[in-house]
């Protein structure tokens, strides 16, 4: 385990602490040196002003540098002292700013120097685009943010249920629920932010059923003018590392599907409770435009991760928007599809791992390069009766099959953030 991946509860040894301090880029050493130089110059200026004798070599160098022949001693000393004082003041301010920044993000037993070193590593980390929605995407982000700050989370705007659906219908804004979960996951103040942003008002009030985070995003949309800029402002407000991007600029995008029996399903909620196999899936209106920032992020990415999450209602809607799949296929970087740990009742009943891959590639038109499955199958919660997805050998020569223990523990349908992020990051080192 490296210093950068060390849990916050583990303290480094003195030698490890010194190695962190010596690491380039943490913003401490440069200002310490600048401050010492400023103090030296300040002392020299005072010596000049008071005509205090110093070594002949230093005197000669200082005379040439401070215009000794054209400036009286007191003025020369005052000017030199002012330069030194200025350097010392700037270095003190910058040191305070950097140390305060490090103190702001300390966790557990992790000290200021460790936090600064950790931040420096993350700020120069790979550019990763994670595409999906719901709990699955937020789980992935919780793990990836320990490795890099250069994260772009692309979320679907097809949600039409719950608080998000009500705000969408009443205010004409994109559904904020999935974006809110991602903002919470990427926030440096995650535990507290999760409590505040996920707070749901009592059903007995006029705000009944809404949670605070959705209302906050709705207010920011009204202030900023659109959902994309509202998420940018929310990211600054919540000290988010990375960014959250809606996959489409449309506020009226809705999901639609047709089952194998010919039943037409309108809306994400209906698709998610289809109860039978889905034959085709699309978005309405068909001319929904992609978010230009998403296309830019994909083109600039070092790695693209798709999933985990609800296959038909969280992951695929992002790729049904014109231009998104083409942008993903145009890149030469690894494209990892993360298979869910368990099926989702009403949506992916009886689907195996190979089915997830085949369905994703058929509907998204994306050529996956890596398919990640959970290798350690465990029992899952009995309600609403999902079943664990077994890893299996898949005859697809174009895809690298990865089997890793990425499960969240006993009786869990969810991934473990740290295990999942390590498995995804390993793709970049292959």
Protein backbone atom coordinates (compact mmCIF):
# COMPACT_ATOMS: atom_id res chain seq x y z
CA UNK A 1 0.00 0.00 0.00
CA UNK A 2 1.42 3.39 -1.02
CA UNK A 3 1.36 6.52 1.08
CA UNK A 4 -1.23 8.05 -1.23
CA UNK A 5 -3.61 5.10 -0.78
CA UNK A 6 -3.09 4.79 2.97
CA UNK A 7 -6.36 4.99 4.94
CA UNK A 8 -6.71 8.30 6.87
CA UNK A 9 -6.71 6.36 10.15
CA UNK A 10 -3.12 5.11 9.67
CA UNK A 11 -0.32 7.45 10.68
CA UNK A 12 2.93 7.52 8.66
CA UNK A 13 6.34 6.92 10.19
CA UNK A 14 8.78 9.81 10.62
CA UNK A 15 10.72 8.70 7.54
CA UNK A 16 7.51 8.55 5.48
CA UNK A 17 6.53 11.98 6.76
CA UNK A 18 9.88 13.43 5.64
CA UNK A 19 9.49 11.82 2.22
CA UNK A 20 6.09 13.48 1.91
CA UNK A 21 7.56 16.85 2.84
CA UNK A 22 10.32 16.40 0.24
CA UNK A 23 7.85 15.59 -2.51
CA UNK A 24 7.76 18.26 -5.25
CA UNK A 25 4.60 20.29 -5.70
CA UNK A 26 3.03 20.38 -2.24
CA UNK A 27 3.65 24.15 -1.99
CA UNK A 28 5.55 24.29 1.32
CA UNK A 29 9.28 24.23 0.54
CA UNK A 30 9.22 27.04 -2.03
CA UNK A 31 7.61 29.47 0.39
CA UNK A 32 9.87 28.46 3.25
CA UNK A 33 12.89 29.21 1.06
CA UNK A 34 11.32 32.47 -0.13
CA UNK A 35 10.65 33.48 3.46
CA UNK A 36 14.23 32.75 4.54
CA UNK A 37 15.54 34.75 1.58
CA UNK A 38 13.26 37.60 2.55
CA UNK A 39 14.50 37.58 6.14
CA UNK A 40 18.11 37.58 4.93
CA UNK A 41 17.47 40.55 2.66
CA UNK A 42 15.58 42.35 5.42
CA UNK A 43 18.50 41.83 7.82
CA UNK A 44 20.94 43.06 5.19
CA UNK A 45 18.87 46.18 4.59
CA UNK A 46 18.84 46.97 8.31
CA UNK A 47 22.61 46.50 8.38
CA UNK A 48 22.99 48.93 5.48
CA UNK A 49 20.79 51.54 7.14
CA UNK A 50 22.69 51.31 10.42
CA UNK A 51 26.10 51.02 8.71
CA UNK A 52 26.71 47.75 10.53
CA UNK A 53 29.83 45.97 9.26
CA UNK A 54 29.35 42.61 7.52
CA UNK A 55 31.75 40.45 5.56
CA UNK A 56 33.56 42.19 2.69
CA UNK A 57 32.33 39.70 0.09
CA UNK A 58 28.69 40.18 1.07
CA UNK A 59 29.18 43.96 1.19
CA UNK A 60 30.56 44.05 -2.34
CA UNK A 61 27.80 41.90 -3.77
CA UNK A 62 25.17 43.93 -1.95
CA UNK A 63 26.69 47.23 -3.11
CA UNK A 64 26.46 46.23 -6.74
CA UNK A 65 22.92 44.94 -6.35
CA UNK A 66 21.62 47.96 -4.43
CA UNK A 67 23.17 50.87 -6.33
CA UNK A 68 25.60 51.83 -3.59
CA UNK A 69 27.24 54.58 -5.67
CA UNK A 70 24.01 56.40 -6.51
CA UNK A 71 21.93 56.05 -3.33
CA UNK A 72 22.57 57.22 0.25
CA UNK A 73 23.02 54.43 2.87
CA UNK A 74 19.77 55.04 4.74
CA UNK A 75 17.64 55.04 1.58
CA UNK A 76 19.51 52.04 0.20
CA UNK A 77 19.01 50.18 3.47
CA UNK A 78 15.33 51.09 3.64
CA UNK A 79 14.74 49.94 0.05
CA UNK A 80 16.56 46.65 0.62
CA UNK A 81 14.71 46.07 3.89
CA UNK A 82 11.39 46.78 2.15
CA UNK A 83 12.14 44.16 -0.51
CA UNK A 84 13.05 41.64 2.17
CA UNK A 85 9.98 42.46 4.22
CA UNK A 86 7.81 42.11 1.12
CA UNK A 87 9.23 38.66 0.33
CA UNK A 88 8.87 37.54 3.92
CA UNK A 89 5.25 38.79 4.04
CA UNK A 90 4.30 37.11 0.78
CA UNK A 91 5.89 33.83 1.85
CA UNK A 92 4.13 33.99 5.24
CA UNK A 93 0.77 34.58 3.58
CA UNK A 94 1.28 31.79 1.03
CA UNK A 95 2.45 29.38 3.74
CA UNK A 96 -0.62 30.21 5.82
CA UNK A 97 -2.86 29.75 2.77
CA UNK A 98 -1.30 26.40 1.87
CA UNK A 99 -1.34 25.09 5.45
CA UNK A 100 -4.94 26.23 5.89
CA UNK A 101 -5.83 24.42 2.68
CA UNK A 102 -4.17 21.25 3.98
CA UNK A 103 -5.86 21.58 7.37
CA UNK A 104 -9.23 21.96 5.70
CA UNK A 105 -8.98 18.52 4.13
CA UNK A 106 -7.34 16.53 6.90
CA UNK A 107 -9.13 13.29 7.74
CA UNK A 108 -8.63 10.91 10.66
CA UNK A 109 -4.97 10.90 11.68
CA UNK A 110 -3.87 12.32 8.35
CA UNK A 111 -1.91 15.50 9.01
CA UNK A 112 -1.55 18.69 7.00
CA UNK A 113 1.57 17.60 5.10
CA UNK A 114 -0.05 14.26 4.25
CA UNK A 115 -3.19 16.02 3.02
CA UNK A 116 -1.16 18.38 0.83
CA UNK A 117 0.85 15.49 -0.63
CA UNK A 118 -2.36 13.54 -1.23
CA UNK A 119 -3.94 16.54 -2.95
CA UNK A 120 -0.85 17.02 -5.15
CA UNK A 121 -1.05 13.40 -6.28
CA UNK A 122 -4.76 13.62 -7.03
CA UNK A 123 -4.49 16.92 -8.90
CA UNK A 124 -2.04 15.33 -11.36
CA UNK A 125 -4.07 12.10 -11.63
CA UNK A 126 -5.60 10.67 -14.80
CA UNK A 127 -8.61 12.21 -16.48
CA UNK A 128 -11.51 9.81 -15.96
CA UNK A 129 -15.02 10.10 -17.34
CA UNK A 130 -17.60 8.02 -15.44
CA UNK A 131 -20.96 7.61 -17.16
CA UNK A 132 -24.10 6.37 -15.45
CA UNK A 133 -26.40 7.52 -12.69
CA UNK A 134 -27.96 6.62 -9.39
CA UNK A 135 -26.27 4.83 -6.52
CA UNK A 136 -23.86 2.89 -8.74
CA UNK A 137 -22.14 5.95 -10.17
CA UNK A 138 -21.86 7.66 -6.78
CA UNK A 139 -20.28 4.49 -5.34
CA UNK A 140 -17.66 4.51 -8.09
CA UNK A 141 -16.92 8.20 -7.55
CA UNK A 142 -16.39 7.75 -3.81
CA UNK A 143 -13.55 5.39 -4.59
CA UNK A 144 -12.04 7.20 -7.59
CA UNK A 145 -11.77 10.56 -5.83
CA UNK A 146 -8.97 9.08 -3.67
CA UNK A 147 -6.91 8.61 -6.84
CA UNK A 148 -7.58 11.71 -8.95
CA UNK A 149 -9.30 15.08 -8.91
CA UNK A 150 -9.75 14.99 -12.68
CA UNK A 151 -13.13 13.31 -12.63
CA UNK A 152 -16.10 14.02 -14.88
CA UNK A 153 -19.31 12.31 -13.79
CA UNK A 154 -21.88 12.17 -16.60
CA UNK A 155 -25.43 11.63 -15.34
CA UNK A 156 -28.68 10.88 -17.08
CA UNK A 157 -31.45 13.49 -17.22
CA UNK A 158 -34.24 10.99 -17.94
CA UNK A 159 -35.39 10.47 -14.33
CA UNK A 160 -39.10 11.07 -13.93
CA UNK A 161 -39.89 9.66 -10.49
CA UNK A 162 -39.93 10.89 -6.90
CA UNK A 163 -38.77 14.35 -5.91
CA UNK A 164 -36.74 14.74 -9.13
CA UNK A 165 -39.76 13.97 -11.29
CA UNK A 166 -41.96 16.43 -9.41
CA UNK A 167 -39.43 19.25 -9.74
CA UNK A 168 -39.01 18.45 -13.40
CA UNK A 169 -42.75 18.64 -14.04
CA UNK A 170 -43.40 21.68 -11.84
CA UNK A 171 -40.34 23.81 -12.67
CA UNK A 172 -39.33 22.54 -16.09
CA UNK A 173 -35.78 21.69 -15.00
CA UNK A 174 -33.65 18.61 -15.53
CA UNK A 175 -34.15 16.01 -12.78
CA UNK A 176 -31.54 16.75 -10.07
CA UNK A 177 -31.54 13.45 -8.11
CA UNK A 178 -28.66 11.56 -9.78
CA UNK A 179 -26.55 14.71 -10.01
CA UNK A 180 -27.11 15.38 -6.31
CA UNK A 181 -25.85 11.91 -5.37
CA UNK A 182 -22.70 12.47 -7.42
CA UNK A 183 -22.07 15.87 -5.86
CA UNK A 184 -22.32 14.30 -2.42
CA UNK A 185 -19.93 11.51 -3.42
CA UNK A 186 -17.34 13.98 -4.75
CA UNK A 187 -17.60 16.43 -1.87
CA UNK A 188 -14.65 16.69 0.52
CA UNK A 189 -17.19 17.16 3.32
CA UNK A 190 -19.03 14.03 2.30
CA UNK A 191 -20.49 12.68 5.60
CA UNK A 192 -22.03 16.00 6.66
CA UNK A 193 -23.02 16.95 3.12
CA UNK A 194 -24.76 13.63 2.63
CA UNK A 195 -26.89 14.23 5.73
CA UNK A 196 -27.78 17.78 4.68
CA UNK A 197 -28.35 17.23 0.96
CA UNK A 198 -30.22 13.96 1.45
CA UNK A 199 -32.53 15.36 4.12
CA UNK A 200 -36.10 14.64 3.07
CA UNK A 201 -38.92 16.89 4.28
CA UNK A 202 -41.89 15.41 6.07
CA UNK A 203 -44.82 14.39 3.93
CA UNK A 204 -47.03 16.52 6.17
CA UNK A 205 -45.44 19.74 4.87
CA UNK A 206 -45.86 21.51 1.52
CA UNK A 207 -42.35 20.30 0.69
CA UNK A 208 -43.24 16.73 1.59
CA UNK A 209 -41.21 14.16 -0.32
CA UNK A 210 -38.58 16.62 -1.53
CA UNK A 211 -35.03 16.51 -0.20
CA UNK A 212 -32.91 19.55 0.45
CA UNK A 213 -30.29 18.78 -2.18
CA UNK A 214 -32.82 18.67 -4.99
CA UNK A 215 -34.30 21.99 -3.86
CA UNK A 216 -30.83 23.54 -3.68
CA UNK A 217 -30.10 22.52 -7.26
CA UNK A 218 -33.50 23.79 -8.37
CA UNK A 219 -32.70 27.19 -6.83
CA UNK A 220 -29.29 27.25 -8.52
CA UNK A 221 -30.88 26.48 -11.89
CA UNK A 222 -33.10 29.52 -11.42
CA UNK A 223 -30.09 31.65 -10.46
CA UNK A 224 -27.62 30.39 -13.09
CA UNK A 225 -30.07 29.90 -15.93
CA UNK A 226 -29.47 26.22 -16.76
CA UNK A 227 -28.68 22.88 -15.15
CA UNK A 228 -25.08 22.67 -16.37
CA UNK A 229 -24.04 25.98 -14.78
CA UNK A 230 -26.10 25.18 -11.68
CA UNK A 231 -24.00 22.04 -11.17
CA UNK A 232 -20.79 24.06 -11.63
CA UNK A 233 -21.89 26.48 -8.89
CA UNK A 234 -22.97 23.62 -6.64
CA UNK A 235 -19.55 22.04 -7.11
CA UNK A 236 -17.86 25.20 -5.84
CA UNK A 237 -20.30 25.54 -2.97
CA UNK A 238 -19.82 21.94 -1.82
CA UNK A 239 -16.02 21.81 -2.38
CA UNK A 240 -16.37 19.10 -5.01
CA UNK A 241 -13.26 17.47 -6.46
CA UNK A 242 -14.16 16.83 -10.07
CA UNK A 243 -17.32 17.88 -11.85
CA UNK A 244 -20.80 16.59 -12.52
CA UNK A 245 -22.18 16.96 -16.04
CA UNK A 246 -25.71 16.32 -17.35
CA UNK A 247 -25.48 14.14 -20.46
CA UNK A 248 -27.95 16.31 -22.37
CA UNK A 249 -28.85 19.98 -22.39
CA UNK A 250 -32.50 19.01 -22.88
CA UNK A 251 -34.85 19.44 -19.92
CA UNK A 252 -37.62 17.43 -21.56
CA UNK A 253 -35.79 14.20 -22.40
CA UNK A 254 -37.76 11.10 -21.55
CA UNK A 255 -36.97 7.42 -21.82
CA UNK A 256 -39.14 5.08 -23.87
CA UNK A 257 -38.97 1.39 -24.66
CA UNK A 258 -40.83 -1.51 -26.23
CA UNK A 259 -40.85 -4.97 -24.72
CA UNK A 260 -40.61 -8.26 -26.59
CA UNK A 261 -44.39 -8.62 -26.26
CA UNK A 262 -44.88 -5.26 -27.97
CA UNK A 263 -45.80 -3.23 -24.88
CA UNK A 264 -44.86 0.45 -25.15
CA UNK A 265 -43.25 1.91 -22.00
CA UNK A 266 -43.14 5.69 -21.49
CA UNK A 267 -40.78 7.12 -18.91
CA UNK A 268 -37.91 5.86 -16.80
CA UNK A 269 -40.19 4.61 -14.04
CA UNK A 270 -42.16 2.45 -16.46
CA UNK A 271 -39.00 1.07 -18.09
CA UNK A 272 -37.52 0.26 -14.69
CA UNK A 273 -40.55 -1.84 -13.81
CA UNK A 274 -41.07 -3.48 -17.20
CA UNK A 275 -41.24 -6.97 -15.75
CA UNK A 276 -40.26 -8.49 -19.10
CA UNK A 277 -37.45 -8.34 -21.65
CA UNK A 278 -36.94 -5.07 -23.47
CA UNK A 279 -36.60 -5.24 -27.24
CA UNK A 280 -35.77 -1.63 -28.09
CA UNK A 281 -35.10 1.52 -26.07
CA UNK A 282 -34.80 5.15 -27.09
CA UNK A 283 -35.18 8.74 -25.88
CA UNK A 284 -37.88 11.24 -26.75
CA UNK A 285 -37.72 13.65 -28.42
CA UNK A 286 -35.19 11.92 -30.72
CA UNK A 287 -33.26 15.14 -31.34
CA UNK A 288 -32.11 15.62 -27.72
CA UNK A 289 -28.79 17.41 -27.90
CA UNK A 290 -25.71 16.26 -25.98
CA UNK A 291 -24.00 18.52 -23.48
CA UNK A 292 -20.93 19.91 -25.32
CA UNK A 293 -18.93 19.69 -22.08
CA UNK A 294 -19.55 15.93 -22.03
CA UNK A 295 -18.19 15.49 -25.55
CA UNK A 296 -15.13 17.56 -24.63
CA UNK A 297 -14.52 15.53 -21.47
CA UNK A 298 -14.78 12.26 -23.41
CA UNK A 299 -12.34 13.46 -26.07
CA UNK A 300 -9.85 14.52 -23.38
CA UNK A 301 -10.20 11.43 -21.17
CA UNK A 302 -7.52 8.90 -20.24
CA UNK A 303 -10.17 6.35 -19.20
CA UNK A 304 -13.92 5.97 -19.65
CA UNK A 305 -15.94 3.96 -17.13
CA UNK A 306 -19.56 2.94 -17.77
CA UNK A 307 -21.58 1.78 -14.79
CA UNK A 308 -22.27 0.29 -12.38
CA UNK A 309 -25.93 1.16 -12.16
CA UNK A 310 -29.36 0.32 -13.50
CA UNK A 311 -28.66 -0.96 -17.01
CA UNK A 312 -31.69 0.38 -18.85
CA UNK A 313 -32.56 3.42 -16.73
CA UNK A 314 -29.22 4.83 -15.49
CA UNK A 315 -26.48 3.78 -17.92
CA UNK A 316 -28.01 3.33 -21.38
CA UNK A 317 -30.00 6.64 -21.49
CA UNK A 318 -26.73 8.57 -21.68
CA UNK A 319 -25.72 6.71 -24.84
CA UNK A 320 -29.08 7.11 -26.58
CA UNK A 321 -28.35 10.82 -27.00
CA UNK A 322 -27.01 11.65 -30.44
CA UNK A 323 -23.23 12.02 -30.54
CA UNK A 324 -22.30 10.47 -27.18
CA UNK A 325 -21.62 6.94 -28.42
CA UNK A 326 -19.72 8.28 -31.43
CA UNK A 327 -17.54 10.39 -29.12
CA UNK A 328 -16.75 7.38 -26.92
CA UNK A 329 -15.93 5.14 -29.89
CA UNK A 330 -13.70 7.83 -31.40
CA UNK A 331 -11.31 7.76 -28.44
CA UNK A 332 -8.40 5.30 -28.21
CA UNK A 333 -8.51 5.05 -24.41
CA UNK A 334 -9.76 2.06 -22.37
CA UNK A 335 -13.55 1.83 -22.09
CA UNK A 336 -14.56 -0.19 -19.02
CA UNK A 337 -18.07 -1.51 -18.52
CA UNK A 338 -18.69 -2.45 -14.87
CA UNK A 339 -21.19 -5.26 -14.43
CA UNK A 340 -23.66 -5.03 -11.57
CA UNK A 341 -23.27 -7.39 -8.63
CA UNK A 342 -26.93 -8.39 -8.65
CA UNK A 343 -29.96 -8.19 -10.90
CA UNK A 344 -32.55 -5.48 -10.46
CA UNK A 345 -36.11 -6.61 -9.93
CA UNK A 346 -38.41 -5.61 -12.77
CA UNK A 347 -35.58 -4.40 -14.97
CA UNK A 348 -32.86 -7.05 -15.37
CA UNK A 349 -34.50 -10.18 -13.95
CA UNK A 350 -32.63 -13.36 -14.90
CA UNK A 351 -29.95 -11.50 -16.88
CA UNK A 352 -26.41 -12.85 -16.52
CA UNK A 353 -23.10 -11.08 -16.92
CA UNK A 354 -22.83 -11.91 -20.62
CA UNK A 355 -26.36 -10.56 -21.12
CA UNK A 356 -25.40 -7.24 -19.53
CA UNK A 357 -22.46 -6.85 -21.89
CA UNK A 358 -24.40 -7.88 -24.99
CA UNK A 359 -27.39 -5.65 -24.18
CA UNK A 360 -25.18 -2.66 -23.45
CA UNK A 361 -23.20 -2.98 -26.68
CA UNK A 362 -26.33 -3.62 -28.77
CA UNK A 363 -28.27 -0.59 -27.55
CA UNK A 364 -25.40 1.85 -26.95
CA UNK A 365 -23.40 0.97 -30.10
CA UNK A 366 -20.25 1.35 -27.97
CA UNK A 367 -17.36 -1.06 -28.37
CA UNK A 368 -16.27 -1.96 -24.84
CA UNK A 369 -12.56 -2.74 -24.30
CA UNK A 370 -12.80 -4.10 -20.72
CA UNK A 371 -15.66 -5.83 -18.90
CA UNK A 372 -15.32 -5.92 -15.11
CA UNK A 373 -17.20 -8.57 -13.11
CA UNK A 374 -17.35 -9.31 -9.40
CA UNK A 375 -15.47 -12.57 -8.84
CA UNK A 376 -16.58 -13.26 -5.26
CA UNK A 377 -20.27 -14.06 -5.41
CA UNK A 378 -22.06 -13.53 -2.09
CA UNK A 379 -25.63 -13.78 -0.97
CA UNK A 380 -27.68 -10.63 -1.56
CA UNK A 381 -30.57 -9.05 0.26
CA UNK A 382 -33.80 -10.98 -0.15
CA UNK A 383 -35.97 -7.96 -0.91
CA UNK A 384 -36.85 -7.06 -3.63
CA UNK A 385 -35.57 -10.52 -4.55
CA UNK A 386 -32.53 -9.79 -6.73
CA UNK A 387 -30.04 -12.55 -7.34
CA UNK A 388 -26.27 -12.39 -7.53
CA UNK A 389 -24.73 -12.24 -10.99
CA UNK A 390 -22.20 -15.05 -11.48
CA UNK A 391 -18.94 -14.25 -13.28
CA UNK A 392 -18.64 -16.16 -16.52
CA UNK A 393 -16.28 -16.75 -19.40
CA UNK A 394 -17.40 -14.59 -22.31
CA UNK A 395 -16.46 -15.39 -25.89
CA UNK A 396 -15.78 -11.87 -27.07
CA UNK A 397 -12.30 -11.45 -28.45
CA UNK A 398 -12.62 -7.66 -28.61
CA UNK A 399 -13.16 -7.35 -24.84
CA UNK A 400 -10.70 -8.00 -22.01
CA UNK A 401 -12.56 -9.86 -19.27
CA UNK A 402 -11.65 -8.75 -15.74
CA UNK A 403 -12.73 -10.71 -12.68
CA UNK A 404 -12.05 -8.96 -9.38
CA UNK A 405 -13.41 -9.04 -5.85
CA UNK A 406 -15.25 -5.72 -5.87
CA UNK A 407 -18.22 -6.62 -3.68
CA UNK A 408 -19.32 -4.56 -0.73
CA UNK A 409 -19.53 -7.40 1.78
CA UNK A 410 -22.02 -9.94 3.00
CA UNK A 411 -25.63 -9.59 1.84
CA UNK A 412 -24.80 -6.65 -0.41
CA UNK A 413 -26.04 -5.74 -3.87
CA UNK A 414 -23.54 -2.88 -4.13
CA UNK A 415 -19.87 -2.52 -4.95
CA UNK A 416 -17.21 -1.54 -2.45
CA UNK A 417 -15.90 1.92 -3.46
CA UNK A 418 -12.23 1.22 -2.68
CA UNK A 419 -12.14 -2.23 -4.27
CA UNK A 420 -13.95 -1.01 -7.36
CA UNK A 421 -11.74 2.06 -7.82
CA UNK A 422 -8.56 -0.01 -7.48
CA UNK A 423 -9.80 -2.47 -10.10
CA UNK A 424 -10.63 0.38 -12.47
CA UNK A 425 -7.30 2.14 -11.89
CA UNK A 426 -5.46 -1.12 -12.59
CA UNK A 427 -6.72 -0.90 -16.19
CA UNK A 428 -4.55 2.18 -16.71
CA UNK A 429 -1.43 0.32 -15.55
CA UNK A 430 -1.89 -2.61 -17.94
